[in-house]
C-alpha atoms as a PDB file:
ATOM      1  CA  UNK A   1     115.826 108.998  93.032  1.00  0.00           C
ATOM      2  CA  UNK A   2     112.922 106.578  93.339  1.00  0.00           C
ATOM      3  CA  UNK A   3     110.965 105.352  90.333  1.00  0.00           C
ATOM      4  CA  UNK A   4     107.492 106.988  89.944  1.00  0.00           C
ATOM      5  CA  UNK A   5     104.646 104.804  91.015  1.00  0.00           C
ATOM      6  CA  UNK A   6     104.948 101.206  91.658  1.00  0.00           C
ATOM      7  CA  UNK A   7     108.422  99.932  90.640  1.00  0.00           C
ATOM      8  CA  UNK A   8     107.252  97.931  87.646  1.00  0.00           C
ATOM      9  CA  UNK A   9     110.903  97.070  86.755  1.00  0.00           C
ATOM     10  CA  UNK A  10     110.942  94.799  89.849  1.00  0.00           C
ATOM     11  CA  UNK A  11     107.263  93.866  90.085  1.00  0.00           C
ATOM     12  CA  UNK A  12     106.812  92.570  86.501  1.00  0.00           C
ATOM     13  CA  UNK A  13     109.625  90.109  86.575  1.00  0.00           C
ATOM     14  CA  UNK A  14     108.918  89.210  90.134  1.00  0.00           C
ATOM     15  CA  UNK A  15     105.334  88.268  89.371  1.00  0.00           C
ATOM     16  CA  UNK A  16     106.487  86.126  86.397  1.00  0.00           C
ATOM     17  CA  UNK A  17     108.874  84.180  88.590  1.00  0.00           C
ATOM     18  CA  UNK A  18     106.276  83.862  91.350  1.00  0.00           C
ATOM     19  CA  UNK A  19     103.417  82.531  89.085  1.00  0.00           C
ATOM     20  CA  UNK A  20     105.817  80.203  87.192  1.00  0.00           C
ATOM     21  CA  UNK A  21     106.583  78.384  90.431  1.00  0.00           C
ATOM     22  CA  UNK A  22     102.876  78.454  91.570  1.00  0.00           C
ATOM     23  CA  UNK A  23     101.755  76.699  88.359  1.00  0.00           C
ATOM     24  CA  UNK A  24     104.268  73.840  88.592  1.00  0.00           C
ATOM     25  CA  UNK A  25     103.243  70.279  89.259  1.00  0.00           C
ATOM     26  CA  UNK A  26     101.821  69.578  92.767  1.00  0.00           C
ATOM     27  CA  UNK A  27     104.053  66.816  93.356  1.00  0.00           C
ATOM     28  CA  UNK A  28     107.128  69.123  93.328  1.00  0.00           C
ATOM     29  CA  UNK A  29     108.455  67.782  89.993  1.00  0.00           C
ATOM     30  CA  UNK A  30     109.507  71.010  88.175  1.00  0.00           C
ATOM     31  CA  UNK A  31     109.609  71.796  84.430  1.00  0.00           C
ATOM     32  CA  UNK A  32     112.723  74.177  84.472  1.00  0.00           C
ATOM     33  CA  UNK A  33     112.341  75.370  80.835  1.00  0.00           C
ATOM     34  CA  UNK A  34     108.783  76.437  81.317  1.00  0.00           C
ATOM     35  CA  UNK A  35     107.873  80.033  82.284  1.00  0.00           C
ATOM     36  CA  UNK A  36     104.723  82.273  82.644  1.00  0.00           C
ATOM     37  CA  UNK A  37     104.768  85.218  80.302  1.00  0.00           C
ATOM     38  CA  UNK A  38     103.274  88.681  80.004  1.00  0.00           C
ATOM     39  CA  UNK A  39     100.537  88.842  77.400  1.00  0.00           C
ATOM     40  CA  UNK A  40     101.800  92.155  75.966  1.00  0.00           C
ATOM     41  CA  UNK A  41     105.428  90.927  75.693  1.00  0.00           C
ATOM     42  CA  UNK A  42     107.210  88.598  73.364  1.00  0.00           C
ATOM     43  CA  UNK A  43     105.460  85.178  73.316  1.00  0.00           C
ATOM     44  CA  UNK A  44     107.151  81.801  73.159  1.00  0.00           C
ATOM     45  CA  UNK A  45     105.691  78.670  71.971  1.00  0.00           C
ATOM     46  CA  UNK A  46     104.369  76.338  74.529  1.00  0.00           C
ATOM     47  CA  UNK A  47     106.823  73.688  75.754  1.00  0.00           C
ATOM     48  CA  UNK A  48     106.670  70.469  73.900  1.00  0.00           C
ATOM     49  CA  UNK A  49     107.830  68.198  76.576  1.00  0.00           C
ATOM     50  CA  UNK A  50     107.732  67.693  80.293  1.00  0.00           C
ATOM     51  CA  UNK A  51     104.894  68.010  82.804  1.00  0.00           C
ATOM     52  CA  UNK A  52     103.603  71.151  81.399  1.00  0.00           C
ATOM     53  CA  UNK A  53     103.543  69.873  77.791  1.00  0.00           C
ATOM     54  CA  UNK A  54     101.446  72.237  75.672  1.00  0.00           C
ATOM     55  CA  UNK A  55     100.630  74.655  78.509  1.00  0.00           C
ATOM     56  CA  UNK A  56     100.937  78.432  78.444  1.00  0.00           C
ATOM     57  CA  UNK A  57     100.121  80.856  81.333  1.00  0.00           C
ATOM     58  CA  UNK A  58     100.036  84.547  80.423  1.00  0.00           C
ATOM     59  CA  UNK A  59      99.546  87.478  82.784  1.00  0.00           C
ATOM     60  CA  UNK A  60      97.928  90.712  81.843  1.00  0.00           C
ATOM     61  CA  UNK A  61      97.142  93.874  83.822  1.00  0.00           C
ATOM     62  CA  UNK A  62      93.682  95.066  82.845  1.00  0.00           C
ATOM     63  CA  UNK A  63      92.810  97.895  85.327  1.00  0.00           C
ATOM     64  CA  UNK A  64      94.644 100.214  87.798  1.00  0.00           C
ATOM     65  CA  UNK A  65      92.641 102.456  90.120  1.00  0.00           C
ATOM     66  CA  UNK A  66      93.344 104.737  93.110  1.00  0.00           C
ATOM     67  CA  UNK A  67      92.264 103.534  96.478  1.00  0.00           C
ATOM     68  CA  UNK A  68      90.595 105.841  98.818  1.00  0.00           C
ATOM     69  CA  UNK A  69      89.950 109.546  98.249  1.00  0.00           C
ATOM     70  CA  UNK A  70      93.285 110.468  96.696  1.00  0.00           C
ATOM     71  CA  UNK A  71      97.050 110.428  97.269  1.00  0.00           C
ATOM     72  CA  UNK A  72      98.833 112.045 100.098  1.00  0.00           C
ATOM     73  CA  UNK A  73     101.492 114.707  99.715  1.00  0.00           C
ATOM     74  CA  UNK A  74     104.275 114.647 102.392  1.00  0.00           C
ATOM     75  CA  UNK A  75     107.130 116.945 102.824  1.00  0.00           C
ATOM     76  CA  UNK A  76     110.181 115.143 104.088  1.00  0.00           C
ATOM     77  CA  UNK A  77     113.681 116.469 104.981  1.00  0.00           C
ATOM     78  CA  UNK A  78     116.471 115.937 102.512  1.00  0.00           C
ATOM     79  CA  UNK A  79     119.544 117.424 103.762  1.00  0.00           C
ATOM     80  CA  UNK A  80     118.876 121.161 104.201  1.00  0.00           C
ATOM     81  CA  UNK A  81     115.791 121.057 101.902  1.00  0.00           C
ATOM     82  CA  UNK A  82     112.302 119.673 101.972  1.00  0.00           C
ATOM     83  CA  UNK A  83     111.340 117.014  99.419  1.00  0.00           C
ATOM     84  CA  UNK A  84     107.828 116.723  98.113  1.00  0.00           C
ATOM     85  CA  UNK A  85     106.716 112.991  98.015  1.00  0.00           C
ATOM     86  CA  UNK A  86     103.348 111.750  96.900  1.00  0.00           C
ATOM     87  CA  UNK A  87     102.147 108.535  98.403  1.00  0.00           C
ATOM     88  CA  UNK A  88      99.009 106.340  97.466  1.00  0.00           C
ATOM     89  CA  UNK A  89      97.611 102.915  97.065  1.00  0.00           C
ATOM     90  CA  UNK A  90      96.533 101.290  93.804  1.00  0.00           C
ATOM     91  CA  UNK A  91      94.132  98.457  93.163  1.00  0.00           C
ATOM     92  CA  UNK A  92      95.299  96.373  90.221  1.00  0.00           C
ATOM     93  CA  UNK A  93      93.441  93.771  88.331  1.00  0.00           C
ATOM     94  CA  UNK A  94      95.827  90.966  87.202  1.00  0.00           C
ATOM     95  CA  UNK A  95      94.278  88.582  84.664  1.00  0.00           C
ATOM     96  CA  UNK A  96      95.796  85.126  84.466  1.00  0.00           C
ATOM     97  CA  UNK A  97      95.004  83.094  81.331  1.00  0.00           C
ATOM     98  CA  UNK A  98      95.973  79.389  80.981  1.00  0.00           C
ATOM     99  CA  UNK A  99      95.812  77.452  77.709  1.00  0.00           C
ATOM    100  CA  UNK A 100      96.582  73.753  76.926  1.00  0.00           C
ATOM    101  CA  UNK A 101      96.707  72.225  73.502  1.00  0.00           C
ATOM    102  CA  UNK A 102      96.960  68.729  75.044  1.00  0.00           C
ATOM    103  CA  UNK A 103      95.075  68.746  78.457  1.00  0.00           C
ATOM    104  CA  UNK A 104      95.275  65.774  80.699  1.00  0.00           C
ATOM    105  CA  UNK A 105      93.569  64.724  83.868  1.00  0.00           C
ATOM    106  CA  UNK A 106      96.583  66.170  85.855  1.00  0.00           C
ATOM    107  CA  UNK A 107      97.260  69.243  83.814  1.00  0.00           C
ATOM    108  CA  UNK A 108      94.216  71.179  82.532  1.00  0.00           C
ATOM    109  CA  UNK A 109      93.821  75.009  82.620  1.00  0.00           C
ATOM    110  CA  UNK A 110      91.081  75.042  85.496  1.00  0.00           C
ATOM    111  CA  UNK A 111      93.211  72.859  87.644  1.00  0.00           C
ATOM    112  CA  UNK A 112      96.366  75.036  87.116  1.00  0.00           C
ATOM    113  CA  UNK A 113      94.497  78.147  87.944  1.00  0.00           C
ATOM    114  CA  UNK A 114      92.918  76.622  91.131  1.00  0.00           C
ATOM    115  CA  UNK A 115      96.510  75.405  92.025  1.00  0.00           C
ATOM    116  CA  UNK A 116      97.591  78.933  91.894  1.00  0.00           C
ATOM    117  CA  UNK A 117      94.691  80.198  93.890  1.00  0.00           C
ATOM    118  CA  UNK A 118      95.437  77.745  96.728  1.00  0.00           C
ATOM    119  CA  UNK A 119      99.185  78.339  96.837  1.00  0.00           C
ATOM    120  CA  UNK A 120      98.773  82.187  96.878  1.00  0.00           C
ATOM    121  CA  UNK A 121      97.717  81.911 100.481  1.00  0.00           C
ATOM    122  CA  UNK A 122     100.995  80.372 101.702  1.00  0.00           C
ATOM    123  CA  UNK A 123     102.802  82.447 104.237  1.00  0.00           C
ATOM    124  CA  UNK A 124     105.905  82.384 102.274  1.00  0.00           C
ATOM    125  CA  UNK A 125     104.146  83.658  99.099  1.00  0.00           C
ATOM    126  CA  UNK A 126     102.587  86.571 101.065  1.00  0.00           C
ATOM    127  CA  UNK A 127     106.000  87.531 102.382  1.00  0.00           C
ATOM    128  CA  UNK A 128     107.497  87.381  98.830  1.00  0.00           C
ATOM    129  CA  UNK A 129     104.686  89.656  97.619  1.00  0.00           C
ATOM    130  CA  UNK A 130     105.135  92.071 100.512  1.00  0.00           C
ATOM    131  CA  UNK A 131     108.861  92.347  99.538  1.00  0.00           C
ATOM    132  CA  UNK A 132     107.549  93.858  96.294  1.00  0.00           C
ATOM    133  CA  UNK A 133     105.102  96.087  98.102  1.00  0.00           C
ATOM    134  CA  UNK A 134     102.286  93.963  96.719  1.00  0.00           C
ATOM    135  CA  UNK A 135      99.364  92.550  98.567  1.00  0.00           C
ATOM    136  CA  UNK A 136      96.511  90.311  97.567  1.00  0.00           C
ATOM    137  CA  UNK A 137      92.880  91.675  98.065  1.00  0.00           C
ATOM    138  CA  UNK A 138      90.809  88.868  96.479  1.00  0.00           C
ATOM    139  CA  UNK A 139      91.021  86.115  93.929  1.00  0.00           C
ATOM    140  CA  UNK A 140      87.895  85.916  91.596  1.00  0.00           C
ATOM    141  CA  UNK A 141      86.221  82.861  89.955  1.00  0.00           C
ATOM    142  CA  UNK A 142      88.144  80.860  87.413  1.00  0.00           C
ATOM    143  CA  UNK A 143      86.158  80.763  84.110  1.00  0.00           C
ATOM    144  CA  UNK A 144      86.306  78.181  81.398  1.00  0.00           C
ATOM    145  CA  UNK A 145      86.801  80.036  77.990  1.00  0.00           C
ATOM    146  CA  UNK A 146      87.634  77.032  75.876  1.00  0.00           C
ATOM    147  CA  UNK A 147      87.226  77.446  72.072  1.00  0.00           C
ATOM    148  CA  UNK A 148      86.908  75.086  69.148  1.00  0.00           C
ATOM    149  CA  UNK A 149      89.029  75.508  65.925  1.00  0.00           C
ATOM    150  CA  UNK A 150      88.188  73.075  63.202  1.00  0.00           C
ATOM    151  CA  UNK A 151      87.955  69.700  64.898  1.00  0.00           C
ATOM    152  CA  UNK A 152      90.253  70.660  67.746  1.00  0.00           C
ATOM    153  CA  UNK A 153      89.226  72.146  71.131  1.00  0.00           C
ATOM    154  CA  UNK A 154      91.626  74.498  72.716  1.00  0.00           C
ATOM    155  CA  UNK A 155      91.225  74.185  76.562  1.00  0.00           C
ATOM    156  CA  UNK A 156      91.433  77.642  78.103  1.00  0.00           C
ATOM    157  CA  UNK A 157      90.532  79.355  81.318  1.00  0.00           C
ATOM    158  CA  UNK A 158      91.240  82.636  82.939  1.00  0.00           C
ATOM    159  CA  UNK A 159      91.036  84.221  86.485  1.00  0.00           C
ATOM    160  CA  UNK A 160      91.340  87.749  87.991  1.00  0.00           C
ATOM    161  CA  UNK A 161      93.508  88.381  91.014  1.00  0.00           C
ATOM    162  CA  UNK A 162      92.995  91.740  92.661  1.00  0.00           C
ATOM    163  CA  UNK A 163      96.195  93.242  94.081  1.00  0.00           C
ATOM    164  CA  UNK A 164      97.092  96.402  96.016  1.00  0.00           C
ATOM    165  CA  UNK A 165     100.253  98.269  95.261  1.00  0.00           C
ATOM    166  CA  UNK A 166     102.066 101.182  96.943  1.00  0.00           C
ATOM    167  CA  UNK A 167     102.523 104.139  94.631  1.00  0.00           C
ATOM    168  CA  UNK A 168     104.961 106.973  95.385  1.00  0.00           C
ATOM    169  CA  UNK A 169     106.530 109.919  93.508  1.00  0.00           C
ATOM    170  CA  UNK A 170     109.405 112.049  94.590  1.00  0.00           C
ATOM    171  CA  UNK A 171     109.726 115.511  93.137  1.00  0.00           C
ATOM    172  CA  UNK A 172     113.461 115.915  92.115  1.00  0.00           C
ATOM    173  CA  UNK A 173     113.166 119.700  92.675  1.00  0.00           C
ATOM    174  CA  UNK A 174     113.387 120.649  96.343  1.00  0.00           C
ATOM    175  CA  UNK A 175     110.431 122.730  97.588  1.00  0.00           C
ATOM    176  CA  UNK A 176     112.778 124.710  99.915  1.00  0.00           C
ATOM    177  CA  UNK A 177     113.036 125.021 103.717  1.00  0.00           C
ATOM    178  CA  UNK A 178     110.823 126.470 106.463  1.00  0.00           C
ATOM    179  CA  UNK A 179     112.998 129.582 107.305  1.00  0.00           C
ATOM    180  CA  UNK A 180     110.618 131.110 109.872  1.00  0.00           C
ATOM    181  CA  UNK A 181     107.068 130.913 111.217  1.00  0.00           C
ATOM    182  CA  UNK A 182     104.981 134.045 111.888  1.00  0.00           C
ATOM    183  CA  UNK A 183     102.719 133.768 114.951  1.00  0.00           C
ATOM    184  CA  UNK A 184      99.920 136.348 114.690  1.00  0.00           C
ATOM    185  CA  UNK A 185      97.533 134.743 117.134  1.00  0.00           C
ATOM    186  CA  UNK A 186      97.706 132.558 120.025  1.00  0.00           C
ATOM    187  CA  UNK A 187      94.994 130.366 121.690  1.00  0.00           C
ATOM    188  CA  UNK A 188      94.911 131.072 125.391  1.00  0.00           C
ATOM    189  CA  UNK A 189      94.499 128.238 127.898  1.00  0.00           C
ATOM    190  CA  UNK A 190      91.792 130.188 129.761  1.00  0.00           C
ATOM    191  CA  UNK A 191      88.006 130.068 130.453  1.00  0.00           C
ATOM    192  CA  UNK A 192      85.868 130.472 127.423  1.00  0.00           C
ATOM    193  CA  UNK A 193      83.910 133.783 126.797  1.00  0.00           C
ATOM    194  CA  UNK A 194      80.135 134.185 127.658  1.00  0.00           C
ATOM    195  CA  UNK A 195      79.123 132.320 124.510  1.00  0.00           C
ATOM    196  CA  UNK A 196      81.389 129.385 125.299  1.00  0.00           C
ATOM    197  CA  UNK A 197      83.888 130.174 122.736  1.00  0.00           C
ATOM    198  CA  UNK A 198      87.741 129.806 123.343  1.00  0.00           C
ATOM    199  CA  UNK A 199      89.644 133.039 124.018  1.00  0.00           C
ATOM    200  CA  UNK A 200      91.961 133.976 121.207  1.00  0.00           C
ATOM    201  CA  UNK A 201      94.521 136.762 121.731  1.00  0.00           C
ATOM    202  CA  UNK A 202      95.682 138.291 118.500  1.00  0.00           C
ATOM    203  CA  UNK A 203      99.140 140.100 118.397  1.00  0.00           C
ATOM    204  CA  UNK A 204      99.565 143.466 116.793  1.00  0.00           C
ATOM    205  CA  UNK A 205      99.757 143.058 113.015  1.00  0.00           C
ATOM    206  CA  UNK A 206     102.952 145.180 112.918  1.00  0.00           C
ATOM    207  CA  UNK A 207     104.674 143.210 115.693  1.00  0.00           C
ATOM    208  CA  UNK A 208     104.100 139.390 115.051  1.00  0.00           C
ATOM    209  CA  UNK A 209     106.238 136.877 116.931  1.00  0.00           C
ATOM    210  CA  UNK A 210     108.859 135.284 114.644  1.00  0.00           C
ATOM    211  CA  UNK A 211     110.215 131.893 115.147  1.00  0.00           C
ATOM    212  CA  UNK A 212     113.328 131.318 113.003  1.00  0.00           C
ATOM    213  CA  UNK A 213     114.704 127.811 112.168  1.00  0.00           C
ATOM    214  CA  UNK A 214     118.273 127.114 113.153  1.00  0.00           C
END
């Protein structure tokens, strides 16, 4: 049976892996021990060495809304039964927050977020997101939210990424089968009546036509 809604058990670690790679040094020199993190999960201290020295990148989902007028209910064959499945689209706001305790000209939060913005439009990144049933709708402005504590300024910036996800839910209880269809009226392929309406021939109520499934 499929997970209800988006498959978060695959999407959450997939996004962490993706944004960890996108934030890395533009010259291709990697910091293998450094990783992005979920803001609502266990937090690690910022790395004390390497190219991302003192840098943290945290992800947080702030909103999830339904796209369109509502979800669609479909009935699909499952062996001899019919299975009810609900499909829909969700728009998700993913907030990225980058902090640096020791910013440099090459590694400061706004530059890291802009690096991520640019790299998100790579074809290879789009394909990886589609493998998770995720698409990018828009990337909003990066904002400086630096703060000063005592005599030290913590350089911080954040940016919202608008994503679209496929949501689905499969009812584990079969809804049954279509055993027979009762045809009580038939639309005739004939000239309309004097008012221009199609001619409908209604069968006798005690003798409908019955179509039975095999």
